[in-house]
Amino acid sequence: MFSLEDYIKTVKQNLGQHSILLAREIKKTINYNFYIDIDLVDYMAFINPTRFEISIRMFSMDKEASEVFYEGEDKTIFSGSTQVIPDIKYFQLSRENKKEFDEFYENNDIEIEREEHKAFTEWFYECWKAAQGHKMNLPSYFVIHDDYKSLDLRANKWISDDEKWE
């Protein structure tokens, strides 16, 4: 029998196994030589719930919510996007438990998604702090793909898309 509490506990444990990797990769991005036209960076999580995988990319953005690209010759300047971490598993499901899990998910999908997103965000934020993300010289946000709000990593508070792009 699945429970929300046990499921999320397992998700957090699985994410925790990748914390050192994530912190190391975040630290690399903090030290990039960002193109001067970049106004902020978005660390975006892409979640594949059918495969229980999460990946994170960092995008360089302007205030019009457009990705910024540098077309000059200086190879040390960063713009565009980069993979922070590839697909990692946050949950393992055996074939024997699939039917039971599907029923559990169907009965709790809203709560599961809310708690998963909370776990992903807390994990990223803790790794951000471990990587000394506050040293980033640009406003930085964590967002789950297709969500309408972002975590302002400097202030550790949620903001709407309207606030982010003002």
N, C-alpha and C. Protein backbone atom coordinates (compact mmCIF):
# COMPACT_ATOMS: atom_id res chain seq x y z
N MET A 1 0.84 -1.19 0.00
CA MET A 1 0.00 0.00 0.00
C MET A 1 0.88 1.24 0.00
N PHE A 2 0.58 2.17 -0.87
CA PHE A 2 1.33 3.42 -0.97
C PHE A 2 0.66 4.48 -0.11
N SER A 3 1.49 5.35 0.46
CA SER A 3 0.99 6.52 1.16
C SER A 3 1.75 7.74 0.65
N LEU A 4 1.13 8.88 0.70
CA LEU A 4 1.77 10.11 0.24
C LEU A 4 3.04 10.37 1.03
N GLU A 5 2.98 10.20 2.33
CA GLU A 5 4.14 10.46 3.19
C GLU A 5 5.31 9.56 2.81
N ASP A 6 5.07 8.26 2.63
CA ASP A 6 6.15 7.34 2.28
C ASP A 6 6.69 7.61 0.88
N TYR A 7 5.78 7.92 -0.03
CA TYR A 7 6.20 8.21 -1.40
C TYR A 7 7.13 9.42 -1.44
N ILE A 8 6.72 10.52 -0.80
CA ILE A 8 7.52 11.74 -0.80
C ILE A 8 8.84 11.52 -0.06
N LYS A 9 8.82 10.77 1.00
CA LYS A 9 10.05 10.44 1.72
C LYS A 9 11.04 9.73 0.79
N THR A 10 10.54 8.80 0.00
CA THR A 10 11.39 8.09 -0.97
C THR A 10 11.90 9.03 -2.04
N VAL A 11 11.04 9.90 -2.54
CA VAL A 11 11.45 10.89 -3.54
C VAL A 11 12.60 11.74 -2.99
N LYS A 12 12.44 12.24 -1.78
CA LYS A 12 13.48 13.08 -1.17
C LYS A 12 14.79 12.32 -0.99
N GLN A 13 14.71 11.06 -0.59
CA GLN A 13 15.91 10.24 -0.43
C GLN A 13 16.61 10.06 -1.77
N ASN A 14 15.84 9.79 -2.82
CA ASN A 14 16.43 9.60 -4.15
C ASN A 14 17.06 10.89 -4.67
N LEU A 15 16.40 12.01 -4.45
CA LEU A 15 16.98 13.29 -4.86
C LEU A 15 18.27 13.56 -4.09
N GLY A 16 18.24 13.26 -2.79
CA GLY A 16 19.40 13.50 -1.94
C GLY A 16 20.65 12.79 -2.42
N GLN A 17 20.49 11.68 -3.09
CA GLN A 17 21.64 10.95 -3.63
C GLN A 17 22.35 11.72 -4.73
N HIS A 18 21.70 12.75 -5.26
CA HIS A 18 22.27 13.55 -6.35
C HIS A 18 22.61 14.97 -5.92
N SER A 19 22.55 15.24 -4.63
CA SER A 19 22.77 16.61 -4.13
C SER A 19 24.18 17.11 -4.39
N ILE A 20 25.17 16.27 -4.19
CA ILE A 20 26.55 16.70 -4.43
C ILE A 20 26.75 17.05 -5.90
N LEU A 21 26.22 16.22 -6.79
CA LEU A 21 26.31 16.49 -8.22
C LEU A 21 25.61 17.80 -8.56
N LEU A 22 24.40 17.99 -8.08
CA LEU A 22 23.65 19.21 -8.40
C LEU A 22 24.37 20.44 -7.87
N ALA A 23 24.84 20.41 -6.64
CA ALA A 23 25.55 21.57 -6.07
C ALA A 23 26.80 21.88 -6.89
N ARG A 24 27.53 20.85 -7.29
CA ARG A 24 28.74 21.06 -8.09
C ARG A 24 28.39 21.70 -9.44
N GLU A 25 27.31 21.25 -10.07
CA GLU A 25 26.94 21.79 -11.37
C GLU A 25 26.37 23.21 -11.25
N ILE A 26 25.65 23.49 -10.19
CA ILE A 26 25.18 24.86 -9.96
C ILE A 26 26.37 25.78 -9.78
N LYS A 27 27.35 25.34 -9.00
CA LYS A 27 28.55 26.17 -8.74
C LYS A 27 29.24 26.55 -10.05
N LYS A 28 29.29 25.63 -11.00
CA LYS A 28 29.89 25.94 -12.30
C LYS A 28 29.14 27.09 -12.97
N THR A 29 27.81 27.06 -12.92
CA THR A 29 27.04 28.10 -13.62
C THR A 29 27.20 29.46 -12.95
N ILE A 30 27.41 29.47 -11.67
CA ILE A 30 27.58 30.73 -10.94
C ILE A 30 28.80 31.49 -11.43
N ASN A 31 29.80 30.75 -11.86
CA ASN A 31 31.06 31.36 -12.28
C ASN A 31 31.14 31.68 -13.77
N TYR A 32 30.04 31.51 -14.49
CA TYR A 32 30.06 31.84 -15.92
C TYR A 32 30.28 33.32 -16.13
N ASN A 33 30.87 33.64 -17.26
CA ASN A 33 31.04 35.02 -17.71
C ASN A 33 29.80 35.35 -18.55
N PHE A 34 28.78 35.90 -17.90
CA PHE A 34 27.50 36.12 -18.56
C PHE A 34 27.54 37.32 -19.50
N TYR A 35 26.89 37.16 -20.62
CA TYR A 35 26.73 38.22 -21.61
C TYR A 35 26.02 39.41 -20.95
N ILE A 36 26.45 40.60 -21.27
CA ILE A 36 25.96 41.81 -20.60
C ILE A 36 24.46 42.05 -20.79
N ASP A 37 23.84 41.53 -21.85
CA ASP A 37 22.42 41.74 -22.10
C ASP A 37 21.51 40.79 -21.33
N ILE A 38 22.08 39.91 -20.54
CA ILE A 38 21.29 38.97 -19.74
C ILE A 38 20.81 39.69 -18.49
N ASP A 39 19.50 39.61 -18.23
CA ASP A 39 18.92 40.26 -17.05
C ASP A 39 18.72 39.30 -15.88
N LEU A 40 18.52 38.02 -16.17
CA LEU A 40 18.30 37.05 -15.10
C LEU A 40 18.54 35.65 -15.63
N VAL A 41 18.66 34.70 -14.70
CA VAL A 41 18.77 33.30 -15.10
C VAL A 41 17.63 32.50 -14.48
N ASP A 42 17.13 31.58 -15.27
CA ASP A 42 16.09 30.65 -14.85
C ASP A 42 16.68 29.25 -14.82
N TYR A 43 16.64 28.64 -13.65
CA TYR A 43 16.96 27.22 -13.55
C TYR A 43 15.62 26.51 -13.68
N MET A 44 15.43 25.80 -14.78
CA MET A 44 14.13 25.21 -15.07
C MET A 44 14.18 23.69 -14.93
N ALA A 45 13.25 23.17 -14.13
CA ALA A 45 13.14 21.73 -13.95
C ALA A 45 12.14 21.17 -14.95
N PHE A 46 12.55 20.11 -15.62
CA PHE A 46 11.68 19.38 -16.53
C PHE A 46 11.41 18.02 -15.90
N ILE A 47 10.13 17.74 -15.70
CA ILE A 47 9.75 16.52 -14.98
C ILE A 47 9.05 15.58 -15.94
N ASN A 48 9.47 14.34 -15.90
CA ASN A 48 8.81 13.29 -16.66
C ASN A 48 8.18 12.34 -15.65
N PRO A 49 6.90 12.55 -15.31
CA PRO A 49 6.28 11.76 -14.25
C PRO A 49 6.06 10.29 -14.62
N THR A 50 5.98 9.99 -15.90
CA THR A 50 5.78 8.59 -16.27
C THR A 50 7.05 7.77 -16.11
N ARG A 51 8.20 8.45 -16.16
CA ARG A 51 9.49 7.76 -15.98
C ARG A 51 10.13 8.12 -14.64
N PHE A 52 9.45 8.99 -13.85
CA PHE A 52 9.97 9.44 -12.56
C PHE A 52 11.37 10.04 -12.71
N GLU A 53 11.50 10.98 -13.65
CA GLU A 53 12.78 11.62 -13.91
C GLU A 53 12.64 13.13 -13.85
N ILE A 54 13.73 13.76 -13.43
CA ILE A 54 13.81 15.22 -13.42
C ILE A 54 15.15 15.61 -14.04
N SER A 55 15.12 16.66 -14.85
CA SER A 55 16.35 17.26 -15.37
C SER A 55 16.23 18.76 -15.15
N ILE A 56 17.38 19.43 -15.16
CA ILE A 56 17.38 20.88 -14.93
C ILE A 56 18.29 21.55 -15.95
N ARG A 57 17.78 22.61 -16.57
CA ARG A 57 18.55 23.45 -17.49
C ARG A 57 18.55 24.87 -16.95
N MET A 58 19.59 25.60 -17.25
CA MET A 58 19.66 27.01 -16.90
C MET A 58 19.53 27.82 -18.20
N PHE A 59 18.65 28.82 -18.16
CA PHE A 59 18.42 29.68 -19.31
C PHE A 59 18.80 31.11 -18.97
N SER A 60 19.48 31.78 -19.90
CA SER A 60 19.78 33.21 -19.73
C SER A 60 18.67 33.99 -20.41
N MET A 61 18.08 34.92 -19.66
CA MET A 61 16.87 35.59 -20.11
C MET A 61 17.00 37.11 -20.03
N ASP A 62 16.17 37.78 -20.83
CA ASP A 62 16.04 39.23 -20.68
C ASP A 62 14.70 39.53 -20.01
N LYS A 63 14.42 40.79 -19.75
CA LYS A 63 13.19 41.17 -19.04
C LYS A 63 11.93 41.01 -19.89
N GLU A 64 12.09 40.70 -21.16
CA GLU A 64 10.92 40.45 -22.01
C GLU A 64 10.60 38.95 -22.07
N ALA A 65 11.20 38.18 -21.19
CA ALA A 65 10.99 36.73 -21.09
C ALA A 65 11.51 35.99 -22.32
N SER A 66 12.54 36.53 -22.94
CA SER A 66 13.16 35.89 -24.11
C SER A 66 14.56 35.42 -23.74
N GLU A 67 14.93 34.27 -24.30
CA GLU A 67 16.28 33.76 -24.07
C GLU A 67 17.27 34.66 -24.81
N VAL A 68 18.39 34.94 -24.16
CA VAL A 68 19.40 35.84 -24.70
C VAL A 68 20.53 35.02 -25.32
N PHE A 69 20.95 35.44 -26.52
CA PHE A 69 22.06 34.79 -27.21
C PHE A 69 23.12 35.82 -27.56
N TYR A 70 24.36 35.43 -27.46
CA TYR A 70 25.50 36.26 -27.82
C TYR A 70 26.06 35.74 -29.14
N GLU A 71 26.27 36.64 -30.08
CA GLU A 71 26.74 36.22 -31.40
C GLU A 71 28.15 36.74 -31.69
N GLY A 72 28.85 37.17 -30.67
CA GLY A 72 30.19 37.69 -30.87
C GLY A 72 31.24 36.59 -30.96
N GLU A 73 32.48 37.00 -30.97
CA GLU A 73 33.61 36.08 -31.15
C GLU A 73 34.21 35.57 -29.83
N ASP A 74 33.94 36.26 -28.74
CA ASP A 74 34.55 35.91 -27.46
C ASP A 74 33.94 34.60 -26.92
N LYS A 75 34.72 33.54 -26.94
CA LYS A 75 34.24 32.21 -26.53
C LYS A 75 34.08 32.08 -25.01
N THR A 76 34.54 33.07 -24.24
CA THR A 76 34.41 32.99 -22.78
C THR A 76 33.06 33.51 -22.30
N ILE A 77 32.32 34.16 -23.20
CA ILE A 77 31.03 34.75 -22.81
C ILE A 77 29.93 33.70 -22.92
N PHE A 78 29.13 33.59 -21.85
CA PHE A 78 28.01 32.64 -21.85
C PHE A 78 26.71 33.34 -22.15
N SER A 79 25.89 32.68 -22.95
CA SER A 79 24.50 33.05 -23.18
C SER A 79 23.78 31.80 -23.65
N GLY A 80 22.45 31.89 -23.73
CA GLY A 80 21.67 30.74 -24.16
C GLY A 80 21.28 29.88 -22.98
N SER A 81 21.44 28.58 -23.13
CA SER A 81 21.08 27.68 -22.05
C SER A 81 22.13 26.58 -21.93
N THR A 82 22.09 25.93 -20.79
CA THR A 82 23.00 24.81 -20.56
C THR A 82 22.32 23.79 -19.65
N GLN A 83 22.65 22.55 -19.85
CA GLN A 83 22.13 21.50 -18.98
C GLN A 83 22.87 21.57 -17.64
N VAL A 84 22.12 21.60 -16.57
CA VAL A 84 22.71 21.58 -15.23
C VAL A 84 22.83 20.12 -14.78
N ILE A 85 21.73 19.38 -14.84
CA ILE A 85 21.78 17.94 -14.59
C ILE A 85 20.88 17.24 -15.60
N PRO A 86 21.31 16.05 -16.07
CA PRO A 86 20.48 15.28 -16.99
C PRO A 86 19.38 14.57 -16.22
N ASP A 87 18.58 13.81 -16.93
CA ASP A 87 17.50 13.05 -16.29
C ASP A 87 18.03 12.18 -15.17
N ILE A 88 17.50 12.40 -13.97
CA ILE A 88 17.81 11.52 -12.85
C ILE A 88 16.51 10.94 -12.32
N LYS A 89 16.58 9.74 -11.83
CA LYS A 89 15.41 9.05 -11.29
C LYS A 89 15.13 9.57 -9.88
N TYR A 90 13.88 9.93 -9.64
CA TYR A 90 13.49 10.33 -8.29
C TYR A 90 12.59 9.30 -7.63
N PHE A 91 12.23 8.23 -8.39
CA PHE A 91 11.43 7.16 -7.81
C PHE A 91 11.58 5.92 -8.68
N GLN A 92 11.61 4.76 -8.05
CA GLN A 92 11.67 3.48 -8.75
C GLN A 92 10.36 2.74 -8.50
N LEU A 93 9.77 2.22 -9.55
CA LEU A 93 8.52 1.48 -9.41
C LEU A 93 8.69 0.12 -10.05
N SER A 94 8.44 -0.91 -9.27
CA SER A 94 8.53 -2.27 -9.81
C SER A 94 7.26 -2.60 -10.58
N ARG A 95 7.38 -3.49 -11.52
CA ARG A 95 6.22 -3.91 -12.32
C ARG A 95 5.11 -4.48 -11.44
N GLU A 96 5.51 -5.18 -10.39
CA GLU A 96 4.54 -5.80 -9.50
C GLU A 96 3.66 -4.76 -8.80
N ASN A 97 4.20 -3.57 -8.60
CA ASN A 97 3.48 -2.53 -7.87
C ASN A 97 2.81 -1.50 -8.77
N LYS A 98 2.94 -1.66 -10.07
CA LYS A 98 2.45 -0.63 -11.00
C LYS A 98 0.94 -0.39 -10.85
N LYS A 99 0.16 -1.43 -10.83
CA LYS A 99 -1.30 -1.26 -10.74
C LYS A 99 -1.68 -0.56 -9.44
N GLU A 100 -1.07 -0.99 -8.35
CA GLU A 100 -1.35 -0.38 -7.05
C GLU A 100 -0.92 1.09 -7.03
N PHE A 101 0.25 1.38 -7.62
CA PHE A 101 0.73 2.76 -7.67
C PHE A 101 -0.19 3.62 -8.53
N ASP A 102 -0.60 3.09 -9.68
CA ASP A 102 -1.49 3.86 -10.56
C ASP A 102 -2.78 4.23 -9.84
N GLU A 103 -3.31 3.31 -9.08
CA GLU A 103 -4.53 3.58 -8.31
C GLU A 103 -4.26 4.65 -7.24
N PHE A 104 -3.14 4.51 -6.53
CA PHE A 104 -2.72 5.50 -5.54
C PHE A 104 -2.58 6.88 -6.19
N TYR A 105 -1.92 6.94 -7.35
CA TYR A 105 -1.70 8.21 -8.03
C TYR A 105 -3.04 8.82 -8.48
N GLU A 106 -3.90 7.99 -9.04
CA GLU A 106 -5.19 8.49 -9.51
C GLU A 106 -6.02 9.09 -8.38
N ASN A 107 -5.92 8.52 -7.21
CA ASN A 107 -6.68 9.00 -6.05
C ASN A 107 -6.05 10.19 -5.36
N ASN A 108 -4.79 10.48 -5.66
CA ASN A 108 -4.05 11.52 -4.93
C ASN A 108 -3.25 12.44 -5.85
N ASP A 109 -3.57 12.51 -7.12
CA ASP A 109 -2.71 13.18 -8.08
C ASP A 109 -2.41 14.64 -7.74
N ILE A 110 -3.38 15.38 -7.28
CA ILE A 110 -3.15 16.80 -6.97
C ILE A 110 -2.19 16.95 -5.80
N GLU A 111 -2.40 16.19 -4.75
CA GLU A 111 -1.52 16.26 -3.58
C GLU A 111 -0.11 15.75 -3.92
N ILE A 112 -0.05 14.69 -4.72
CA ILE A 112 1.25 14.13 -5.11
C ILE A 112 2.05 15.17 -5.88
N GLU A 113 1.43 15.77 -6.87
CA GLU A 113 2.14 16.76 -7.68
C GLU A 113 2.59 17.94 -6.82
N ARG A 114 1.72 18.42 -5.95
CA ARG A 114 2.08 19.55 -5.08
C ARG A 114 3.29 19.18 -4.20
N GLU A 115 3.25 18.00 -3.60
CA GLU A 115 4.35 17.58 -2.71
C GLU A 115 5.63 17.26 -3.48
N GLU A 116 5.50 16.71 -4.69
CA GLU A 116 6.68 16.48 -5.53
C GLU A 116 7.35 17.81 -5.86
N HIS A 117 6.56 18.77 -6.30
CA HIS A 117 7.11 20.08 -6.67
C HIS A 117 7.78 20.74 -5.46
N LYS A 118 7.18 20.59 -4.32
CA LYS A 118 7.78 21.13 -3.09
C LYS A 118 9.12 20.44 -2.82
N ALA A 119 9.17 19.13 -2.96
CA ALA A 119 10.41 18.37 -2.73
C ALA A 119 11.49 18.77 -3.73
N PHE A 120 11.11 18.92 -5.01
CA PHE A 120 12.09 19.32 -6.03
C PHE A 120 12.65 20.70 -5.72
N THR A 121 11.77 21.61 -5.34
CA THR A 121 12.18 22.99 -5.06
C THR A 121 13.09 23.05 -3.84
N GLU A 122 12.71 22.38 -2.78
CA GLU A 122 13.55 22.38 -1.56
C GLU A 122 14.91 21.77 -1.84
N TRP A 123 14.94 20.70 -2.60
CA TRP A 123 16.21 20.05 -2.95
C TRP A 123 17.08 21.01 -3.75
N PHE A 124 16.50 21.66 -4.77
CA PHE A 124 17.29 22.59 -5.57
C PHE A 124 17.80 23.74 -4.71
N TYR A 125 16.94 24.30 -3.88
CA TYR A 125 17.34 25.44 -3.06
C TYR A 125 18.47 25.08 -2.10
N GLU A 126 18.40 23.91 -1.48
CA GLU A 126 19.48 23.48 -0.58
C GLU A 126 20.79 23.32 -1.34
N CYS A 127 20.73 22.78 -2.54
CA CYS A 127 21.93 22.64 -3.36
C CYS A 127 22.45 23.99 -3.82
N TRP A 128 21.53 24.91 -4.11
CA TRP A 128 21.88 26.29 -4.48
C TRP A 128 22.68 26.94 -3.34
N LYS A 129 22.17 26.78 -2.13
CA LYS A 129 22.87 27.35 -0.97
C LYS A 129 24.24 26.69 -0.79
N ALA A 130 24.30 25.38 -0.93
CA ALA A 130 25.58 24.67 -0.78
C ALA A 130 26.59 25.12 -1.84
N ALA A 131 26.10 25.50 -3.00
CA ALA A 131 26.96 25.98 -4.09
C ALA A 131 27.30 27.46 -3.96
N GLN A 132 26.83 28.09 -2.90
CA GLN A 132 27.02 29.52 -2.67
C GLN A 132 26.41 30.36 -3.79
N GLY A 133 25.19 29.99 -4.13
CA GLY A 133 24.47 30.66 -5.20
C GLY A 133 24.29 32.15 -5.00
N HIS A 134 24.32 32.58 -3.76
CA HIS A 134 24.17 34.02 -3.49
C HIS A 134 25.27 34.84 -4.16
N LYS A 135 26.35 34.18 -4.59
CA LYS A 135 27.44 34.88 -5.27
C LYS A 135 27.12 35.17 -6.74
N MET A 136 26.04 34.60 -7.25
CA MET A 136 25.63 34.85 -8.64
C MET A 136 25.36 36.33 -8.79
N ASN A 137 25.90 36.93 -9.85
CA ASN A 137 25.75 38.38 -10.02
C ASN A 137 24.48 38.76 -10.79
N LEU A 138 23.59 37.80 -11.01
CA LEU A 138 22.32 38.08 -11.69
C LEU A 138 21.16 37.55 -10.84
N PRO A 139 20.00 38.18 -10.94
CA PRO A 139 18.83 37.60 -10.29
C PRO A 139 18.63 36.17 -10.81
N SER A 140 18.31 35.26 -9.90
CA SER A 140 18.23 33.85 -10.26
C SER A 140 16.95 33.24 -9.70
N TYR A 141 16.35 32.37 -10.52
CA TYR A 141 15.07 31.79 -10.17
C TYR A 141 15.07 30.29 -10.46
N PHE A 142 14.25 29.58 -9.69
CA PHE A 142 13.99 28.17 -9.95
C PHE A 142 12.53 28.05 -10.34
N VAL A 143 12.26 27.36 -11.43
CA VAL A 143 10.90 27.21 -11.92
C VAL A 143 10.72 25.80 -12.47
N ILE A 144 9.54 25.28 -12.28
CA ILE A 144 9.19 24.00 -12.88
C ILE A 144 8.53 24.31 -14.22
N HIS A 145 8.99 23.66 -15.26
CA HIS A 145 8.52 23.93 -16.62
C HIS A 145 7.00 24.02 -16.67
N ASP A 146 6.53 25.05 -17.34
CA ASP A 146 5.10 25.33 -17.53
C ASP A 146 4.38 25.77 -16.27
N ASP A 147 5.12 26.14 -15.23
CA ASP A 147 4.47 26.67 -14.04
C ASP A 147 4.34 28.18 -14.18
N TYR A 148 3.51 28.78 -13.40
CA TYR A 148 3.24 30.22 -13.47
C TYR A 148 3.95 31.01 -12.37
N LYS A 149 4.71 30.30 -11.53
CA LYS A 149 5.43 30.99 -10.47
C LYS A 149 6.86 30.46 -10.40
N SER A 150 7.73 31.27 -9.81
CA SER A 150 9.14 30.92 -9.69
C SER A 150 9.60 31.19 -8.26
N LEU A 151 10.61 30.45 -7.86
CA LEU A 151 11.24 30.73 -6.57
C LEU A 151 12.38 31.70 -6.82
N ASP A 152 12.29 32.88 -6.22
CA ASP A 152 13.38 33.85 -6.25
C ASP A 152 14.45 33.29 -5.31
N LEU A 153 15.56 32.85 -5.88
CA LEU A 153 16.57 32.16 -5.09
C LEU A 153 17.29 33.07 -4.10
N ARG A 154 17.42 34.33 -4.43
CA ARG A 154 18.06 35.26 -3.49
C ARG A 154 17.18 35.53 -2.28
N ALA A 155 15.89 35.72 -2.51
CA ALA A 155 14.97 36.07 -1.43
C ALA A 155 14.31 34.83 -0.81
N ASN A 156 14.46 33.69 -1.46
CA ASN A 156 13.80 32.45 -1.03
C ASN A 156 12.31 32.67 -0.85
N LYS A 157 11.71 33.25 -1.90
CA LYS A 157 10.25 33.44 -1.85
C LYS A 157 9.69 33.25 -3.25
N TRP A 158 8.43 32.81 -3.27
CA TRP A 158 7.74 32.59 -4.54
C TRP A 158 7.26 33.90 -5.11
N ILE A 159 7.40 34.04 -6.42
CA ILE A 159 6.89 35.21 -7.12
C ILE A 159 6.14 34.74 -8.37
N SER A 160 5.24 35.59 -8.83
CA SER A 160 4.49 35.28 -10.06
C SER A 160 5.36 35.62 -11.27
N ASP A 161 4.96 35.10 -12.42
CA ASP A 161 5.65 35.45 -13.65
C ASP A 161 5.60 36.96 -13.89
N ASP A 162 4.47 37.59 -13.56
CA ASP A 162 4.36 39.04 -13.74
C ASP A 162 5.44 39.78 -12.95
N GLU A 163 5.67 39.35 -11.71
CA GLU A 163 6.69 39.99 -10.89
C GLU A 163 8.09 39.76 -11.46
N LYS A 164 8.32 38.56 -11.95
CA LYS A 164 9.66 38.23 -12.46
C LYS A 164 10.00 39.04 -13.69
N TRP A 165 9.04 39.27 -14.54
CA TRP A 165 9.33 39.93 -15.82
C TRP A 165 9.11 41.43 -15.79
N GLU A 166 8.78 42.02 -14.62
CA GLU A 166 8.59 43.48 -14.56
C GLU A 166 9.90 44.18 -14.76
